[in-house]
Amino acid sequence: MDTIHVVLAVYDPKGTYSRHAGVVMTSIFERTKSSVRVHILHDETLMDGNRARFNETARMYGQSVEFHDVSPFVARLSEEALQQARGGHSLGALFRLLAPSVLSVDKIIYLDSDVVVNLDIRELWEVSIANHSLAGVLDIPSRRFSASAFGKKLMGCDPKNYINSGVLVMNLSRIREKHDLFRESAQWYRRCRPYSSLVDQNFLNACFREDITFLEARFNNGNATGDNSDNSILHAMGVAKPWNGIVGSAIDRFYWRIYTKTPWGRLLPESLADALIDAVKVSHFTHRHTAQCYKNIFFRLKKDVLQNNLFMVVWFIWKEFCYRVKSSMK
């Protein structure tokens, strides 16, 4: 049987993010008997200790892992794309755009590190995308006349056929043949960065707008409960990440169960207590002191007022007006 190629992106300046990718990796190996090769896309922030733990994880399950330093390719991305990533997001979100240039394989499964795989990954691998560049699960739909739909159209996306980029099957050979992601991303980020609050997802939906096929919702299950978590890929969408707030969700339980089986948790048991305490400390759902209350008030203000549809539409129109004035003056 052919080897399944899975890609994870690791940008880890603090040395604490790798364990999340390790949980994803371990969850795959726990449920999959086929040969799996995990490709770690990373830069100089990957520490030697974490690299050793990735290797140990692969050895424990008789699987393989390969490391790819993407630093030279990151340098080829446009400054606008890099600014988008630095603006409160992670540079690692751009790494998936580099996969066609970095990897020599024809097809990959890309997974974000806030997922837990609770199925045999071969089920996803066997989805045919011969005639498409990407396969993904439809994201939460936008209301037809909402600010979200308006913004997506402004960025070149189709609101009705808009996928979440946390779980993707990528036809790398087709992408190499039909696209130049360095050139196309430079043009898109230069034009659309003011409208986009996401690092990569809007660009991918715009770039591959007519070249996407859709996956079953269970392959990117952002609404997992105890009843529908089996045979799916659980994704921490719209809820606190398991390491940023323990709320008793299905992904919380799976994440911490798998974590104890990784070298980060299994070989260093004291780190489990530290990780759990850290998760509780930063949780929005744990009432600790007055400062936390102020944070929650600001969060609600931003959510209920500043993201109001009318406000956002006016904001988008104003940004577009400023862009056009600036462009006409060049």
Protein backbone atom coordinates (compact mmCIF):
# COMPACT_ATOMS: atom_id res chain seq x y z
CA MET A 1 0.00 0.00 0.00
CA ASP A 2 1.29 3.46 -0.85
CA THR A 3 2.66 5.73 1.84
CA ILE A 4 0.35 8.44 3.16
CA HIS A 5 2.04 11.85 3.25
CA VAL A 6 0.91 14.21 6.02
CA VAL A 7 2.23 17.75 6.45
CA LEU A 8 2.41 19.71 9.71
CA ALA A 9 3.75 23.26 10.08
CA VAL A 10 5.86 24.15 13.12
CA TYR A 11 6.74 27.74 13.91
CA ASP A 12 7.90 27.59 17.52
CA PRO A 13 9.91 30.58 18.81
CA LYS A 14 9.01 29.75 22.43
CA GLY A 15 9.57 26.01 22.12
CA THR A 16 6.06 25.24 23.38
CA TYR A 17 4.14 24.77 20.11
CA SER A 18 5.80 21.59 18.90
CA ARG A 19 3.94 19.44 21.41
CA HIS A 20 0.62 20.35 19.73
CA ALA A 21 1.95 19.06 16.40
CA GLY A 22 3.20 16.02 18.35
CA VAL A 23 -0.35 15.34 19.55
CA VAL A 24 -1.65 15.50 15.96
CA MET A 25 1.13 13.16 14.83
CA THR A 26 0.49 10.67 17.64
CA SER A 27 -3.27 10.71 17.08
CA ILE A 28 -2.68 9.72 13.44
CA PHE A 29 -0.36 6.87 14.36
CA GLU A 30 -2.76 5.61 17.05
CA ARG A 31 -5.56 5.05 14.53
CA THR A 32 -3.71 4.30 11.28
CA LYS A 33 -2.02 1.01 10.39
CA SER A 34 -0.87 2.06 6.92
CA SER A 35 2.56 3.52 6.28
CA VAL A 36 2.55 7.23 7.12
CA ARG A 37 5.31 9.75 6.54
CA VAL A 38 4.89 13.03 8.42
CA HIS A 39 6.60 16.03 6.86
CA ILE A 40 7.44 18.78 9.34
CA LEU A 41 7.70 22.19 7.66
CA HIS A 42 9.74 24.36 10.02
CA ASP A 43 12.25 27.19 10.29
CA GLU A 44 15.10 27.90 12.68
CA THR A 45 12.69 28.05 15.64
CA LEU A 46 12.45 24.24 15.80
CA MET A 47 14.59 23.29 18.79
CA ASP A 48 16.76 20.18 18.90
CA GLY A 49 14.84 18.72 21.84
CA ASN A 50 11.54 18.96 20.00
CA ARG A 51 13.06 17.52 16.84
CA ALA A 52 14.24 14.54 18.90
CA ARG A 53 10.72 14.08 20.31
CA PHE A 54 9.20 14.06 16.82
CA ASN A 55 11.72 11.38 15.84
CA GLU A 56 10.92 9.39 18.97
CA THR A 57 7.18 9.58 18.23
CA ALA A 58 7.72 8.12 14.75
CA ARG A 59 9.96 5.35 16.11
CA MET A 60 7.43 4.37 18.78
CA TYR A 61 4.86 3.58 16.08
CA GLY A 62 7.18 2.29 13.37
CA GLN A 63 6.39 5.27 11.15
CA SER A 64 8.60 7.96 9.61
CA VAL A 65 9.09 11.70 9.90
CA GLU A 66 10.98 14.06 7.63
CA PHE A 67 12.06 17.63 8.40
CA HIS A 68 12.07 20.45 5.85
CA ASP A 69 13.59 23.82 6.70
CA VAL A 70 11.45 26.28 4.76
CA SER A 71 13.45 29.40 5.69
CA PRO A 72 14.82 29.96 2.14
CA PHE A 73 11.29 29.72 0.74
CA VAL A 74 9.81 32.04 3.38
CA ALA A 75 12.31 34.66 2.20
CA ARG A 76 10.68 34.50 -1.26
CA LEU A 77 7.25 35.46 0.07
CA SER A 78 6.11 39.04 -0.35
CA GLU A 79 6.49 41.55 2.46
CA GLU A 80 2.70 42.01 2.51
CA ALA A 81 2.19 38.29 3.18
CA LEU A 82 4.79 38.34 5.95
CA GLN A 83 3.19 41.44 7.50
CA GLN A 84 -0.16 39.64 7.51
CA ALA A 85 1.39 36.73 9.43
CA ARG A 86 3.17 38.97 11.89
CA GLY A 87 0.07 40.97 12.66
CA GLY A 88 -0.99 38.91 15.64
CA HIS A 89 -0.82 35.57 13.86
CA SER A 90 1.76 32.87 13.30
CA LEU A 91 4.26 32.80 10.47
CA GLY A 92 3.67 29.04 10.34
CA ALA A 93 0.26 29.63 8.77
CA LEU A 94 2.06 30.57 5.55
CA PHE A 95 4.12 27.37 5.49
CA ARG A 96 1.36 25.39 3.73
CA LEU A 97 1.69 27.76 0.76
CA LEU A 98 5.28 26.55 0.40
CA ALA A 99 4.47 22.83 0.24
CA PRO A 100 4.40 22.59 -3.59
CA SER A 101 7.90 24.10 -3.75
CA VAL A 102 9.41 22.32 -0.74
CA LEU A 103 8.09 18.79 -1.22
CA SER A 104 8.65 16.44 -4.14
CA VAL A 105 5.55 14.27 -3.57
CA ASP A 106 2.40 14.64 -5.67
CA LYS A 107 -0.26 14.67 -2.96
CA ILE A 108 -0.42 15.54 0.74
CA ILE A 109 -2.81 15.87 3.63
CA TYR A 110 -2.22 19.15 5.46
CA LEU A 111 -3.35 19.43 9.09
CA ASP A 112 -3.32 22.35 11.48
CA SER A 113 -1.93 21.64 14.94
CA ASP A 114 -5.21 22.35 16.73
CA VAL A 115 -6.79 19.12 15.46
CA VAL A 116 -6.92 15.60 16.82
CA VAL A 117 -7.35 12.72 14.38
CA ASN A 118 -9.91 10.18 15.55
CA LEU A 119 -10.08 8.03 12.42
CA ASP A 120 -7.86 6.03 10.09
CA ILE A 121 -6.22 8.80 8.05
CA ARG A 122 -6.28 6.53 4.98
CA GLU A 123 -10.00 7.33 4.68
CA LEU A 124 -9.07 10.93 3.92
CA TRP A 125 -6.06 9.94 1.80
CA GLU A 126 -8.26 7.89 -0.53
CA VAL A 127 -10.49 10.84 -1.41
CA SER A 128 -9.89 11.48 -5.12
CA ILE A 129 -8.75 14.98 -6.07
CA ALA A 130 -7.27 14.13 -9.47
CA ASN A 131 -9.20 16.98 -11.12
CA HIS A 132 -8.81 19.57 -8.38
CA SER A 133 -5.97 21.34 -6.59
CA LEU A 134 -7.55 21.36 -3.12
CA ALA A 135 -10.12 19.47 -1.11
CA GLY A 136 -11.54 20.87 2.12
CA VAL A 137 -14.62 21.06 4.30
CA LEU A 138 -17.05 23.94 3.83
CA ASP A 139 -16.59 26.56 6.52
CA ILE A 140 -19.44 27.99 8.58
CA PRO A 141 -21.63 29.63 5.91
CA SER A 142 -22.02 33.41 5.81
CA ARG A 143 -25.46 34.95 5.60
CA ARG A 144 -26.07 36.23 2.09
CA PHE A 145 -26.02 39.95 2.90
CA SER A 146 -23.70 39.82 5.91
CA ALA A 147 -20.44 41.68 6.36
CA SER A 148 -18.65 38.34 6.24
CA ALA A 149 -20.08 37.51 2.80
CA PHE A 150 -19.35 41.03 1.57
CA GLY A 151 -15.74 40.80 2.75
CA LYS A 152 -15.21 37.40 1.13
CA LYS A 153 -16.48 38.67 -2.22
CA LEU A 154 -14.21 41.69 -1.94
CA MET A 155 -11.24 39.32 -1.52
CA GLY A 156 -12.20 37.17 -4.52
CA CYS A 157 -13.70 34.29 -2.55
CA ASP A 158 -17.03 32.59 -3.13
CA PRO A 159 -18.99 32.80 0.18
CA LYS A 160 -21.15 29.79 -0.80
CA ASN A 161 -18.16 27.56 -1.54
CA TYR A 162 -15.68 28.68 1.09
CA ILE A 163 -13.58 26.04 2.84
CA ASN A 164 -11.73 25.93 6.13
CA SER A 165 -7.97 25.57 5.63
CA GLY A 166 -7.27 23.61 8.83
CA VAL A 167 -7.66 20.26 7.05
CA LEU A 168 -6.74 20.07 3.38
CA VAL A 169 -5.92 17.48 0.76
CA MET A 170 -3.55 19.15 -1.69
CA ASN A 171 -2.81 17.96 -5.21
CA LEU A 172 0.73 19.31 -5.36
CA SER A 173 1.45 18.15 -8.91
CA ARG A 174 -1.59 20.04 -10.24
CA ILE A 175 -0.75 23.13 -8.19
CA ARG A 176 2.80 23.17 -9.59
CA GLU A 177 1.42 22.83 -13.11
CA LYS A 178 -1.26 25.51 -12.89
CA HIS A 179 -0.12 27.98 -10.24
CA ASP A 180 2.79 30.10 -9.14
CA LEU A 181 1.91 30.64 -5.50
CA PHE A 182 4.74 33.09 -4.87
CA ARG A 183 3.56 35.43 -7.62
CA GLU A 184 -0.15 34.93 -7.00
CA SER A 185 0.14 35.37 -3.24
CA ALA A 186 2.22 38.55 -3.68
CA GLN A 187 -0.48 40.06 -5.88
CA TRP A 188 -3.31 38.96 -3.60
CA TYR A 189 -1.78 40.12 -0.30
CA ARG A 190 -0.82 43.45 -1.84
CA ARG A 191 -4.45 43.96 -2.87
CA CYS A 192 -6.44 42.25 -0.11
CA ARG A 193 -4.38 42.31 3.07
CA PRO A 194 -6.38 45.25 4.52
CA TYR A 195 -9.57 43.17 4.40
CA SER A 196 -8.28 39.82 5.60
CA SER A 197 -8.13 38.85 9.26
CA LEU A 198 -6.83 35.37 8.36
CA VAL A 199 -3.29 34.60 7.28
CA ASP A 200 -3.86 31.99 4.58
CA GLN A 201 -7.48 30.83 4.40
CA ASN A 202 -8.86 33.75 2.39
CA PHE A 203 -5.99 33.60 -0.08
CA LEU A 204 -6.43 29.86 -0.64
CA ASN A 205 -10.16 30.27 -1.25
CA ALA A 206 -9.55 33.11 -3.70
CA CYS A 207 -6.63 31.50 -5.53
CA PHE A 208 -8.33 28.10 -5.98
CA ARG A 209 -11.89 29.39 -6.21
CA GLU A 210 -12.82 27.24 -9.21
CA ASP A 211 -10.47 24.40 -8.35
CA ILE A 212 -11.73 23.05 -5.00
CA THR A 213 -13.66 19.89 -4.21
CA PHE A 214 -15.46 19.37 -0.93
CA LEU A 215 -14.89 16.84 1.84
CA GLU A 216 -17.38 15.30 4.24
CA ALA A 217 -17.87 17.44 7.34
CA ARG A 218 -16.47 14.69 9.58
CA PHE A 219 -13.00 15.30 8.14
CA ASN A 220 -12.93 18.74 9.79
CA ASN A 221 -15.34 18.46 12.70
CA GLY A 222 -15.43 21.79 14.50
CA ASN A 223 -18.61 20.97 16.42
CA ALA A 224 -17.58 17.67 17.95
CA THR A 225 -19.42 16.42 21.00
CA GLY A 226 -19.20 13.07 22.72
CA ASP A 227 -21.91 11.81 20.37
CA ASN A 228 -20.33 12.74 17.02
CA SER A 229 -16.61 12.63 17.73
CA ASP A 230 -16.02 9.08 16.46
CA ASN A 231 -14.58 8.53 13.01
CA SER A 232 -13.78 12.20 12.52
CA ILE A 233 -11.01 14.79 12.71
CA LEU A 234 -11.76 17.07 15.64
CA HIS A 235 -10.85 20.71 15.17
CA ALA A 236 -10.79 23.40 17.87
CA MET A 237 -12.73 25.97 15.83
CA GLY A 238 -14.78 28.54 17.67
CA VAL A 239 -13.74 27.19 21.07
CA ALA A 240 -10.69 27.64 23.24
CA LYS A 241 -7.69 25.57 22.18
CA PRO A 242 -7.28 22.65 24.60
CA TRP A 243 -4.05 24.19 25.88
CA ASN A 244 -5.67 27.64 26.26
CA GLY A 245 -8.79 26.75 28.19
CA ILE A 246 -10.30 23.55 29.50
CA VAL A 247 -14.07 23.58 28.95
CA GLY A 248 -14.82 19.86 28.88
CA SER A 249 -15.34 19.68 25.11
CA ALA A 250 -14.76 16.53 23.08
CA ILE A 251 -11.48 17.81 21.68
CA ASP A 252 -10.27 18.70 25.19
CA ARG A 253 -10.62 15.09 26.26
CA PHE A 254 -9.00 13.63 23.14
CA TYR A 255 -6.15 16.14 23.15
CA TRP A 256 -5.07 15.43 26.74
CA ARG A 257 -5.50 11.66 26.38
CA ILE A 258 -3.22 11.67 23.35
CA TYR A 259 -0.79 14.13 24.95
CA THR A 260 -0.01 11.61 27.71
CA LYS A 261 1.10 9.15 25.00
CA THR A 262 3.56 11.55 23.38
CA PRO A 263 7.20 12.01 24.43
CA TRP A 264 6.21 15.48 25.66
CA GLY A 265 3.77 13.96 28.15
CA ARG A 266 4.74 10.30 28.48
CA LEU A 267 8.48 10.73 29.05
CA LEU A 268 8.16 14.00 30.96
CA PRO A 269 5.16 13.41 33.27
CA GLU A 270 5.81 16.57 35.27
CA SER A 271 5.13 18.60 32.13
CA LEU A 272 1.54 17.34 32.07
CA ALA A 273 0.72 19.07 35.35
CA ASP A 274 2.43 22.25 34.15
CA ALA A 275 0.56 22.16 30.85
CA LEU A 276 -2.81 21.64 32.54
CA ILE A 277 -2.18 24.45 35.01
CA ASP A 278 -1.12 26.78 32.19
CA ALA A 279 -4.29 25.91 30.26
CA VAL A 280 -6.47 26.78 33.24
CA LYS A 281 -4.56 30.00 33.98
CA VAL A 282 -5.18 31.49 30.53
CA SER A 283 -8.74 30.24 30.12
CA HIS A 284 -11.47 32.82 29.52
CA PHE A 285 -13.78 30.42 31.30
CA THR A 286 -11.94 30.41 34.64
CA HIS A 287 -12.86 33.32 36.91
CA ARG A 288 -9.63 34.24 38.68
CA HIS A 289 -9.45 37.97 39.34
CA THR A 290 -10.71 41.37 38.28
CA ALA A 291 -8.23 41.75 35.42
CA GLN A 292 -9.75 38.68 33.78
CA CYS A 293 -13.20 40.28 34.07
CA TYR A 294 -11.99 43.35 32.19
CA LYS A 295 -10.58 41.10 29.46
CA ASN A 296 -13.94 39.36 29.13
CA ILE A 297 -15.76 42.69 28.95
CA PHE A 298 -13.46 43.85 26.14
CA PHE A 299 -13.97 40.52 24.36
CA ARG A 300 -17.76 40.93 24.47
CA LEU A 301 -17.52 44.58 23.35
CA LYS A 302 -15.41 43.58 20.36
CA LYS A 303 -17.66 40.63 19.54
CA ASP A 304 -21.03 42.35 19.92
CA VAL A 305 -20.29 45.92 18.80
CA LEU A 306 -17.15 46.18 16.71
CA GLN A 307 -18.04 43.09 14.67
CA ASN A 308 -21.61 44.24 14.08
CA ASN A 309 -22.53 43.65 10.41
CA LEU A 310 -23.35 47.28 9.63
CA PHE A 311 -20.14 48.50 11.24
CA MET A 312 -18.08 45.96 9.34
CA VAL A 313 -19.66 46.75 5.96
CA VAL A 314 -18.95 50.46 6.44
CA TRP A 315 -15.41 49.58 7.50
CA PHE A 316 -14.86 47.43 4.39
CA ILE A 317 -16.20 50.21 2.13
CA TRP A 318 -13.94 52.76 3.80
CA LYS A 319 -10.89 50.51 3.34
CA GLU A 320 -11.76 49.99 -0.32
CA PHE A 321 -12.16 53.74 -0.83
CA CYS A 322 -8.78 54.46 0.79
CA TYR A 323 -7.14 51.75 -1.31
CA ARG A 324 -8.51 53.17 -4.54
CA VAL A 325 -7.44 56.72 -3.64
CA LYS A 326 -3.97 55.53 -2.72
CA SER A 327 -3.69 53.51 -5.95
CA SER A 328 -4.76 56.46 -8.10
CA MET A 329 -2.04 58.63 -6.59
CA LYS A 330 0.78 56.25 -7.58
